[in-house]
C-alpha cells in the first residue's frame, strides 16, 4: 500500500473514488457526485460541493476548521492539514486519480483498496429493509443532550436520534445553499424578501422536524471574507487582515452599515414562530465582545418584536474571555449561555484554530479553558441562567464531557455522529456522581480547577 498524503483525521470513515482537485470555489460546479474533494480549505460557499463528496481532503486546517465541522455533520470522511504533515494534498493528488481515504487514521492511499469497496452505508441497510435490527433504548439523563445541525435537509433524519433538541443550528448552510446573495445587496436591488423567506424556510424545516424539542438558532456568524463570497458582497465587505477577529457576530448587528441586514434575520425568526406557529425556535447571539454590544442587539430584537419570554429564550455564545470574566453582567440580558469551545480555546490560548503550525497547542482540555468553563457555570447558575456547550470538544473528547457533567452543566450539544455515545457516557458519569455522593468515597476534585487558586 502506497501512502500518498497524511493529515489530521477530522471526520472518521473510509471511502474510495476519484480525486477532484479544486483550488478555487468558482469551479465547484464542475464537481460530480461521488468524487473526493481535494482543496486548500473549505468555507460556507463550498457546501454544495461538500454535500456531493464521498470524502474531503484539505491542505490546511485543524480539528475545528470548517471542513472538519461540516464533514462530521454530513457524515463523510475528512482529512485536514495535510500540508503540515509533509505533503499538500492539492500537489500530491491529481484530478481523476483513484485513491482511498482512511479518515479514521488520517491517511490517503494510492488506488482503490478492497476493504473500501465492501463498505455498506448505514442508510442503505436501513432503507433496503433486508436487515433487521433490534430497537435500542437509550438512557434518560439529567443533562440534556442536544445536537449540532446546519443543513436543513438533514433535519428529518437527525431528528430521529435520541437528542433533546438542537443546541446549535448554524445559518451558514442556508446562506450558502439557498440564498447565495449578500443581504445588503438584496436590499439594494429591492428583494429583501429573498433573505426572510429563504432563512424562514430553512428554520422551519429544522424546527418542525424537532418540534416540540427546542432548536437554538445561532444568528449569522460569517467572517467578512465569507460574506464577500456571496453575490454582491464585495461592495459591502472590507478587506480584513484577520477576519476571525474582525467584523463578525454581534458587532455587525447594531452597526449602521449592517443593521438592516440583521433585521431581516430577526424577521425570519418571527415568521417561523408567529406565522408557522413553531414556538420551539430560540436564538443565540455569537461573538459578543462587550456587555454594551449585547444590550444593543437585544434592544434591536425588542424593537422588531422579538422579546424574551416563557417560550422564547435568548442565549449568549460564550466564546470570548470577556464573556467569562463578566458573566454576571452579560447574564442580565440573556436566559442562558452556550460555550463555543472552539473560539474560546483559540482566544484563551492565543492560537489560530485554523493554523496547522500551532495546531498542537490548541486543546480544549487545557487547564486555562477548564477553569474558564467551570467559572462560567458557577456564575451563571448563581444568576439562574443555564449553561450549555456547542463546540467540537464534547464530540471529540469524552473526558471533556465528563468534566462538564461533574461541573453541573445543563446540556451539551454534539455532532450527530456523537449523540448516542455521548448520551450513554453522560448517563454513566451521572450515575458515578450519585454513587460517589452515597458512599462519600468519590475522587476529590483537582484543586488546580479553582478559578481563585488561593485557599479561602
Protein backbone atom coordinates (compact mmCIF):
# COMPACT_ATOMS: atom_id res chain seq x y z
CA UNK A 1 0.00 0.00 0.00
CA UNK A 2 1.43 3.32 -1.02
CA UNK A 3 0.67 6.31 1.22
CA UNK A 4 0.19 9.47 -0.84
CA UNK A 5 -0.52 12.02 1.91
CA UNK A 6 -1.40 12.06 5.59
CA UNK A 7 -3.13 14.59 7.83
CA UNK A 8 -5.44 15.03 10.79
CA UNK A 9 -8.39 12.57 10.99
CA UNK A 10 -11.11 15.21 11.22
CA UNK A 11 -14.17 13.07 10.43
CA UNK A 12 -13.72 9.27 10.67
CA UNK A 13 -14.58 6.83 7.93
CA UNK A 14 -13.27 5.02 4.85
CA UNK A 15 -14.05 5.98 1.25
CA UNK A 16 -12.59 5.32 -2.17
CA UNK A 17 -13.08 7.03 -5.50
CA UNK A 18 -11.64 9.54 -7.93
CA UNK A 19 -9.93 12.64 -6.62
CA UNK A 20 -11.05 16.03 -7.89
CA UNK A 21 -8.64 18.86 -7.09
CA UNK A 22 -10.35 22.26 -6.93
CA UNK A 23 -8.33 25.34 -5.98
CA UNK A 24 -10.99 28.00 -6.47
CA UNK A 25 -14.64 27.98 -5.38
CA UNK A 26 -15.55 29.31 -8.83
CA UNK A 27 -15.04 25.78 -10.16
CA UNK A 28 -17.19 23.81 -7.72
CA UNK A 29 -19.91 23.44 -10.39
CA UNK A 30 -17.51 21.02 -12.12
CA UNK A 31 -17.55 18.71 -9.10
CA UNK A 32 -19.52 15.49 -9.59
CA UNK A 33 -21.45 13.27 -7.15
CA UNK A 34 -19.29 10.62 -5.54
CA UNK A 35 -15.92 12.27 -6.21
CA UNK A 36 -13.40 13.01 -3.48
CA UNK A 37 -12.95 16.75 -2.96
CA UNK A 38 -9.31 17.87 -2.63
CA UNK A 39 -8.69 21.54 -1.90
CA UNK A 40 -6.79 24.07 0.19
CA UNK A 41 -9.63 24.63 2.66
CA UNK A 42 -13.41 24.89 2.51
CA UNK A 43 -15.70 27.75 3.50
CA UNK A 44 -19.50 28.10 3.62
CA UNK A 45 -19.74 28.67 -0.14
CA UNK A 46 -18.16 25.23 -0.73
CA UNK A 47 -21.10 23.43 0.91
CA UNK A 48 -22.90 22.50 -2.36
CA UNK A 49 -19.82 20.54 -3.45
CA UNK A 50 -19.22 19.09 0.01
CA UNK A 51 -22.71 17.61 0.03
CA UNK A 52 -21.87 15.66 -3.16
CA UNK A 53 -18.44 14.49 -1.99
CA UNK A 54 -17.64 10.92 -0.97
CA UNK A 55 -14.77 12.28 1.15
CA UNK A 56 -12.80 15.51 1.64
CA UNK A 57 -9.05 16.15 1.90
CA UNK A 58 -7.58 19.60 2.56
CA UNK A 59 -4.12 21.14 2.74
CA UNK A 60 -4.75 23.28 5.81
CA UNK A 61 -6.99 23.43 8.86
CA UNK A 62 -7.31 21.78 12.23
CA UNK A 63 -9.90 19.69 14.07
CA UNK A 64 -12.25 22.67 14.42
CA UNK A 65 -11.93 24.12 10.90
CA UNK A 66 -14.88 24.46 8.53
CA UNK A 67 -14.13 21.26 6.60
CA UNK A 68 -13.89 19.22 9.80
CA UNK A 69 -17.12 20.53 11.32
CA UNK A 70 -19.24 20.23 8.19
CA UNK A 71 -17.89 16.78 7.26
CA UNK A 72 -18.81 15.40 10.67
CA UNK A 73 -22.31 16.79 10.31
CA UNK A 74 -22.69 15.36 6.81
CA UNK A 75 -21.22 12.03 7.94
CA UNK A 76 -18.46 11.87 5.34
CA UNK A 77 -14.76 11.03 5.88
CA UNK A 78 -12.44 14.03 6.06
CA UNK A 79 -8.70 14.57 6.46
CA UNK A 80 -7.36 18.10 7.04
CA UNK A 81 -3.98 19.76 7.45
CA UNK A 82 -2.01 17.57 5.04
CA UNK A 83 0.50 20.33 4.29
CA UNK A 84 1.62 20.39 7.92
CA UNK A 85 2.26 16.62 7.76
CA UNK A 86 4.71 16.75 4.87
CA UNK A 87 2.84 17.00 1.55
CA UNK A 88 -0.02 19.25 0.44
CA UNK A 89 -2.91 17.18 -0.91
CA UNK A 90 -3.53 19.52 -3.85
CA UNK A 91 0.03 18.87 -5.04
CA UNK A 92 0.35 15.16 -4.25
CA UNK A 93 -3.06 14.16 -5.65
CA UNK A 94 -4.29 14.60 -9.22
CA UNK A 95 -7.78 15.02 -10.60
CA UNK A 96 -9.11 11.66 -11.82
CA UNK A 97 -6.68 9.65 -9.71
CA UNK A 98 -8.10 6.62 -7.87
CA UNK A 99 -7.47 6.99 -4.14
CA UNK A 100 -8.68 5.58 -0.82
CA UNK A 101 -9.25 7.96 2.09
CA UNK A 102 -8.81 6.40 5.53
CA UNK A 103 -10.04 9.30 7.63
CA UNK A 104 -10.03 7.22 10.81
CA UNK A 105 -6.25 7.16 10.72
CA UNK A 106 -5.62 10.27 8.61
CA UNK A 107 -4.05 8.54 5.59
CA UNK A 108 -4.71 8.67 1.83
CA UNK A 109 -3.63 5.58 -0.14
CA UNK A 110 -2.99 5.15 -3.84
CA UNK A 111 -5.67 3.15 -5.63
CA UNK A 112 -8.97 1.60 -4.52
CA UNK A 113 -8.45 -0.66 -1.51
CA UNK A 114 -10.64 -3.75 -1.33
CA UNK A 115 -11.95 -3.00 2.17
CA UNK A 116 -13.24 0.37 0.99
CA UNK A 117 -15.41 -1.23 -1.67
CA UNK A 118 -17.02 -3.51 0.91
CA UNK A 119 -18.28 -0.61 3.00
CA UNK A 120 -22.11 -0.56 3.14
CA UNK A 121 -23.57 2.82 4.14
CA UNK A 122 -25.85 2.61 7.15
CA UNK A 123 -28.57 4.39 5.22
CA UNK A 124 -28.58 1.67 2.55
CA UNK A 125 -29.19 -1.07 5.08
CA UNK A 126 -31.91 0.90 6.80
CA UNK A 127 -33.73 1.82 3.60
CA UNK A 128 -33.41 -1.60 1.99
CA UNK A 129 -35.44 -3.30 4.66
CA UNK A 130 -33.44 -6.54 4.35
CA UNK A 131 -31.54 -6.00 7.58
CA UNK A 132 -33.47 -6.45 10.81
CA UNK A 133 -32.04 -4.78 13.93
CA UNK A 134 -33.25 -4.73 17.49
CA UNK A 135 -34.72 -1.47 18.75
CA UNK A 136 -32.25 0.04 21.17
CA UNK A 137 -33.33 2.06 24.17
CA UNK A 138 -31.27 4.95 25.43
CA UNK A 139 -30.81 6.16 28.99
CA UNK A 140 -32.58 9.23 30.30
CA UNK A 141 -30.10 11.78 31.56
CA UNK A 142 -30.41 14.81 33.80
CA UNK A 143 -28.02 16.61 31.49
CA UNK A 144 -29.78 17.38 28.21
CA UNK A 145 -28.13 16.01 25.09
CA UNK A 146 -28.58 18.35 22.14
CA UNK A 147 -27.31 18.01 18.57
CA UNK A 148 -25.46 20.48 16.33
CA UNK A 149 -27.09 20.95 12.91
CA UNK A 150 -26.64 23.26 9.96
CA UNK A 151 -28.08 21.54 6.88
CA UNK A 152 -31.91 21.80 6.99
CA UNK A 153 -32.30 18.89 4.57
CA UNK A 154 -30.82 16.58 7.22
CA UNK A 155 -33.32 17.65 9.88
CA UNK A 156 -35.80 14.79 9.45
CA UNK A 157 -33.04 12.19 9.60
CA UNK A 158 -31.18 13.76 12.55
CA UNK A 159 -34.42 14.35 14.49
CA UNK A 160 -34.75 10.58 14.88
CA UNK A 161 -31.64 10.49 17.06
CA UNK A 162 -32.15 10.40 20.85
CA UNK A 163 -31.44 14.13 21.16
CA UNK A 164 -33.35 16.56 23.38
CA UNK A 165 -33.24 19.26 20.71
CA UNK A 166 -30.81 21.28 18.63
CA UNK A 167 -28.25 23.12 20.73
CA UNK A 168 -26.63 24.84 17.76
CA UNK A 169 -28.32 25.46 14.43
CA UNK A 170 -25.96 27.22 12.04
CA UNK A 171 -27.34 29.70 9.49
CA UNK A 172 -24.35 29.48 7.19
CA UNK A 173 -25.63 26.41 5.30
CA UNK A 174 -28.80 28.27 4.39
CA UNK A 175 -26.95 31.35 3.15
CA UNK A 176 -24.58 29.27 1.03
CA UNK A 177 -27.05 26.71 -0.36
CA UNK A 178 -30.40 28.50 -0.52
CA UNK A 179 -29.78 32.26 -0.76
CA UNK A 180 -26.26 32.77 -2.13
CA UNK A 181 -26.56 36.57 -2.21
CA UNK A 182 -25.45 39.23 0.25
CA UNK A 183 -28.35 40.59 2.34
CA UNK A 184 -27.39 44.23 1.73
CA UNK A 185 -27.15 43.55 -2.00
CA UNK A 186 -30.67 42.07 -1.97
CA UNK A 187 -31.93 45.11 -0.08
CA UNK A 188 -30.25 47.36 -2.65
CA UNK A 189 -31.88 45.58 -5.61
CA UNK A 190 -35.28 45.56 -3.91
CA UNK A 191 -35.58 41.92 -2.89
CA UNK A 192 -35.11 41.71 0.89
CA UNK A 193 -37.89 39.11 0.98
CA UNK A 194 -35.47 36.58 -0.52
CA UNK A 195 -33.50 36.70 2.73
CA UNK A 196 -36.53 36.49 5.00
CA UNK A 197 -38.22 33.70 3.03
CA UNK A 198 -35.02 31.73 2.42
CA UNK A 199 -33.97 31.81 6.06
CA UNK A 200 -37.50 31.16 7.32
CA UNK A 201 -37.85 28.06 5.15
CA UNK A 202 -34.59 26.63 6.47
CA UNK A 203 -35.52 27.43 10.07
CA UNK A 204 -38.98 25.92 9.55
CA UNK A 205 -37.62 22.60 8.31
CA UNK A 206 -35.49 22.14 11.41
CA UNK A 207 -37.98 23.49 13.96
CA UNK A 208 -40.80 21.40 12.50
CA UNK A 209 -38.72 18.21 12.48
CA UNK A 210 -37.76 18.63 16.15
CA UNK A 211 -40.98 20.17 17.49
CA UNK A 212 -41.64 20.42 20.45
CA UNK A 213 -37.95 20.00 21.30
CA UNK A 214 -36.10 23.35 21.30
CA UNK A 215 -33.98 24.49 18.37
CA UNK A 216 -31.37 27.12 19.28
CA UNK A 217 -30.53 29.14 16.18
CA UNK A 218 -27.20 30.96 16.14
CA UNK A 219 -27.59 34.25 14.29
CA UNK A 220 -25.21 34.62 11.32
CA UNK A 221 -21.51 34.44 12.15
CA UNK A 222 -19.90 34.77 8.74
CA UNK A 223 -16.49 36.41 8.61
CA UNK A 224 -16.10 39.34 6.20
CA UNK A 225 -14.11 37.10 3.82
CA UNK A 226 -17.09 34.72 3.71
CA UNK A 227 -19.67 37.48 3.25
CA UNK A 228 -17.60 38.81 0.33
CA UNK A 229 -18.04 35.47 -1.43
CA UNK A 230 -21.82 35.92 -1.55
CA UNK A 231 -23.13 37.58 -4.70
CA UNK A 232 -22.84 41.36 -4.36
CA UNK A 233 -20.74 41.04 -1.23
CA UNK A 234 -17.64 42.84 -2.45
CA UNK A 235 -19.45 46.18 -2.39
CA UNK A 236 -20.28 45.89 1.31
CA UNK A 237 -17.42 43.99 2.92
CA UNK A 238 -13.99 45.38 3.89
CA UNK A 239 -10.74 43.51 3.33
CA UNK A 240 -9.57 42.46 6.79
CA UNK A 241 -6.12 41.11 7.72
CA UNK A 242 -7.64 38.81 10.35
CA UNK A 243 -11.33 38.05 9.71
CA UNK A 244 -11.52 35.65 12.67
CA UNK A 245 -11.01 38.66 14.96
CA UNK A 246 -12.73 41.22 12.78
CA UNK A 247 -16.21 42.45 11.91
CA UNK A 248 -18.26 39.40 12.85
CA UNK A 249 -21.06 38.33 15.18
CA UNK A 250 -22.76 40.92 17.35
CA UNK A 251 -20.52 43.77 16.20
CA UNK A 252 -22.26 43.65 12.81
CA UNK A 253 -25.83 43.53 14.06
CA UNK A 254 -26.03 47.05 15.50
CA UNK A 255 -23.53 48.67 13.12
CA UNK A 256 -25.31 51.26 10.90
CA UNK A 257 -23.58 49.65 7.92
CA UNK A 258 -25.27 46.27 8.54
CA UNK A 259 -28.23 46.71 10.91
CA UNK A 260 -30.81 46.40 8.12
CA UNK A 261 -29.34 43.03 7.19
CA UNK A 262 -29.64 41.80 10.78
CA UNK A 263 -33.26 42.94 10.95
CA UNK A 264 -34.04 40.53 8.09
CA UNK A 265 -32.74 37.63 10.21
CA UNK A 266 -34.95 38.74 13.09
CA UNK A 267 -37.96 38.94 10.77
CA UNK A 268 -37.27 35.39 9.56
CA UNK A 269 -37.28 34.10 13.15
CA UNK A 270 -40.54 35.96 13.84
CA UNK A 271 -42.11 34.48 10.71
CA UNK A 272 -41.34 30.93 11.82
CA UNK A 273 -42.56 31.50 15.36
CA UNK A 274 -45.68 33.54 14.55
CA UNK A 275 -46.85 32.55 11.06
CA UNK A 276 -45.83 28.88 11.25
CA UNK A 277 -46.54 28.60 14.98
CA UNK A 278 -43.21 26.90 15.74
CA UNK A 279 -42.53 28.32 19.18
CA UNK A 280 -39.65 25.91 19.79
CA UNK A 281 -37.28 28.17 17.82
CA UNK A 282 -34.90 30.09 20.14
CA UNK A 283 -31.87 32.20 19.26
CA UNK A 284 -28.22 32.58 20.25
CA UNK A 285 -26.07 35.68 19.80
CA UNK A 286 -22.46 34.90 18.78
CA UNK A 287 -19.13 36.64 19.24
CA UNK A 288 -20.24 39.41 21.59
CA UNK A 289 -17.22 41.28 22.87
CA UNK A 290 -18.81 43.68 25.39
CA UNK A 291 -21.88 43.91 27.59
CA UNK A 292 -22.90 47.08 25.74
CA UNK A 293 -22.86 45.18 22.44
CA UNK A 294 -25.23 42.59 23.88
CA UNK A 295 -27.53 45.31 25.20
CA UNK A 296 -27.71 46.95 21.76
CA UNK A 297 -28.51 43.68 19.99
CA UNK A 298 -31.23 42.72 22.47
CA UNK A 299 -32.77 46.20 22.09
CA UNK A 300 -32.91 45.79 18.30
CA UNK A 301 -34.64 42.44 18.72
CA UNK A 302 -37.12 44.03 21.15
CA UNK A 303 -37.85 46.83 18.68
CA UNK A 304 -38.52 44.24 15.98
CA UNK A 305 -40.98 42.42 18.24
CA UNK A 306 -38.74 39.51 19.21
CA UNK A 307 -38.71 39.59 23.01
CA UNK A 308 -37.57 37.13 25.65
CA UNK A 309 -40.37 35.32 27.40
CA UNK A 310 -41.52 31.98 28.84
CA UNK A 311 -41.49 30.31 25.41
CA UNK A 312 -38.70 32.29 23.76
CA UNK A 313 -35.17 32.04 25.13
CA UNK A 314 -32.13 34.07 24.14
CA UNK A 315 -28.68 32.57 24.70
CA UNK A 316 -25.24 34.13 24.51
CA UNK A 317 -22.49 32.14 22.84
CA UNK A 318 -19.70 32.28 25.43
CA UNK A 319 -16.63 32.19 23.22
CA UNK A 320 -14.65 35.27 24.23
CA UNK A 321 -12.77 35.58 27.56
CA UNK A 322 -14.78 38.71 28.41
CA UNK A 323 -17.95 36.57 28.36
CA UNK A 324 -16.48 34.53 31.23
CA UNK A 325 -14.87 37.36 33.19
CA UNK A 326 -18.05 39.47 33.04
CA UNK A 327 -20.58 36.64 33.08
CA UNK A 328 -22.53 38.35 35.87
CA UNK A 329 -23.02 41.42 33.66
CA UNK A 330 -23.85 39.55 30.45
CA UNK A 331 -26.38 37.46 32.40
CA UNK A 332 -28.68 40.49 32.71
CA UNK A 333 -29.66 40.24 29.06
CA UNK A 334 -29.94 36.50 28.34
CA UNK A 335 -31.59 33.32 29.56
CA UNK A 336 -28.53 31.14 29.16
CA UNK A 337 -25.00 30.71 27.87
CA UNK A 338 -23.59 28.20 25.40
CA UNK A 339 -19.85 27.69 25.44
CA UNK A 340 -18.32 27.95 21.98
CA UNK A 341 -15.28 25.90 22.91
CA UNK A 342 -13.59 26.35 19.51
CA UNK A 343 -13.18 30.13 19.64
CA UNK A 344 -12.94 30.25 23.43
CA UNK A 345 -9.93 27.93 23.34
CA UNK A 346 -8.41 29.89 20.49
CA UNK A 347 -8.71 33.20 22.33
CA UNK A 348 -7.63 31.93 25.75
CA UNK A 349 -4.53 30.20 24.34
CA UNK A 350 -3.86 32.76 21.61
CA UNK A 351 -3.77 30.14 18.85
CA UNK A 352 -5.35 30.45 15.41
CA UNK A 353 -7.51 27.32 15.32
CA UNK A 354 -7.16 27.10 11.53
CA UNK A 355 -3.36 27.29 11.59
CA UNK A 356 -1.77 23.86 11.41
CA UNK A 357 1.61 25.20 12.54
CA UNK A 358 0.32 25.93 16.05
CA UNK A 359 -2.41 23.30 15.96
CA UNK A 360 -0.63 21.15 18.55
CA UNK A 361 -1.14 23.92 21.13
CA UNK A 362 -4.90 24.17 20.56
CA UNK A 363 -6.57 21.90 23.13
CA UNK A 364 -9.94 22.44 24.80
CA UNK A 365 -8.72 20.32 27.72
CA UNK A 366 -6.08 22.88 28.67
CA UNK A 367 -6.35 23.90 32.33
CA UNK A 368 -6.96 27.56 31.43
CA UNK A 369 -10.01 26.56 29.36
CA UNK A 370 -11.32 24.20 32.04
CA UNK A 371 -11.04 26.90 34.71
CA UNK A 372 -12.93 29.34 32.49
CA UNK A 373 -15.79 26.91 31.82
CA UNK A 374 -16.05 25.96 35.50
CA UNK A 375 -16.24 29.63 36.45
CA UNK A 376 -18.94 30.36 33.88
CA UNK A 377 -21.13 27.53 35.16
CA UNK A 378 -20.72 28.73 38.74
CA UNK A 379 -21.60 32.36 37.97
CA UNK A 380 -24.41 31.59 35.52
CA UNK A 381 -26.13 29.24 37.96
CA UNK A 382 -25.82 31.87 40.70
CA UNK A 383 -27.89 34.18 38.50
CA UNK A 384 -30.38 31.49 37.48
CA UNK A 385 -29.06 31.06 33.92
CA UNK A 386 -28.46 27.77 32.12
CA UNK A 387 -25.18 26.74 30.55
CA UNK A 388 -24.65 24.52 27.52
CA UNK A 389 -21.66 23.81 25.28
CA UNK A 390 -21.82 23.62 21.50
CA UNK A 391 -18.20 23.49 20.33
CA UNK A 392 -16.45 20.41 18.98
CA UNK A 393 -14.86 19.35 22.29
CA UNK A 394 -17.70 17.14 23.67
CA UNK A 395 -17.95 15.38 20.31
CA UNK A 396 -14.26 14.53 20.31
CA UNK A 397 -13.16 14.17 23.95
CA UNK A 398 -15.33 12.06 26.32
CA UNK A 399 -13.15 13.23 29.23
CA UNK A 400 -14.15 16.83 28.47
CA UNK A 401 -17.81 15.81 28.62
CA UNK A 402 -17.14 14.07 31.95
CA UNK A 403 -15.64 17.29 33.29
CA UNK A 404 -18.71 19.26 32.14
CA UNK A 405 -21.13 16.86 33.85
CA UNK A 406 -19.11 16.98 37.06
CA UNK A 407 -19.33 20.78 37.00
CA UNK A 408 -23.12 20.67 36.65
CA UNK A 409 -23.52 21.75 33.02
CA UNK A 410 -27.18 21.85 31.98
CA UNK A 411 -26.72 20.49 28.46
CA UNK A 412 -24.14 19.50 25.87
CA UNK A 413 -24.61 19.79 22.12
CA UNK A 414 -22.65 17.42 19.90
CA UNK A 415 -22.33 16.37 16.27
CA UNK A 416 -24.94 13.88 15.01
CA UNK A 417 -22.42 11.03 14.97
CA UNK A 418 -21.70 11.55 18.68
CA UNK A 419 -25.25 11.83 20.07
CA UNK A 420 -25.72 8.19 21.06
CA UNK A 421 -22.27 7.66 22.57
CA UNK A 422 -22.49 10.97 24.43
CA UNK A 423 -25.88 10.09 25.92
CA UNK A 424 -24.54 6.77 27.16
CA UNK A 425 -21.37 8.37 28.53
CA UNK A 426 -23.29 11.13 30.31
CA UNK A 427 -25.60 8.58 31.92
CA UNK A 428 -22.57 6.72 33.25
CA UNK A 429 -20.97 9.91 34.56
CA UNK A 430 -24.19 10.94 36.32
CA UNK A 431 -24.52 7.51 37.94
CA UNK A 432 -20.93 7.73 39.15
CA UNK A 433 -21.64 11.12 40.73
CA UNK A 434 -24.71 9.72 42.51
CA UNK A 435 -22.74 6.71 43.75
CA UNK A 436 -19.90 8.89 44.99
CA UNK A 437 -22.42 11.04 46.84
CA UNK A 438 -23.84 7.99 48.61
CA UNK A 439 -20.54 6.31 49.50
CA UNK A 440 -18.62 9.54 50.19
CA UNK A 441 -15.64 7.83 48.60
CA UNK A 442 -15.50 9.62 45.27
CA UNK A 443 -12.49 11.26 43.70
CA UNK A 444 -11.52 14.63 45.15
CA UNK A 445 -11.74 17.43 42.58
CA UNK A 446 -8.44 18.65 41.20
CA UNK A 447 -7.57 21.81 43.20
CA UNK A 448 -5.99 23.27 40.06
CA UNK A 449 -9.50 23.78 38.67
CA UNK A 450 -10.18 26.57 41.15
CA UNK A 451 -10.62 29.95 39.45
CA UNK A 452 -9.04 31.54 42.52
CA UNK A 453 -6.14 29.21 43.41
CA UNK A 454 -5.57 30.77 46.81
CA UNK A 455 -7.08 28.88 49.77
CA UNK A 456 -10.03 30.58 51.42
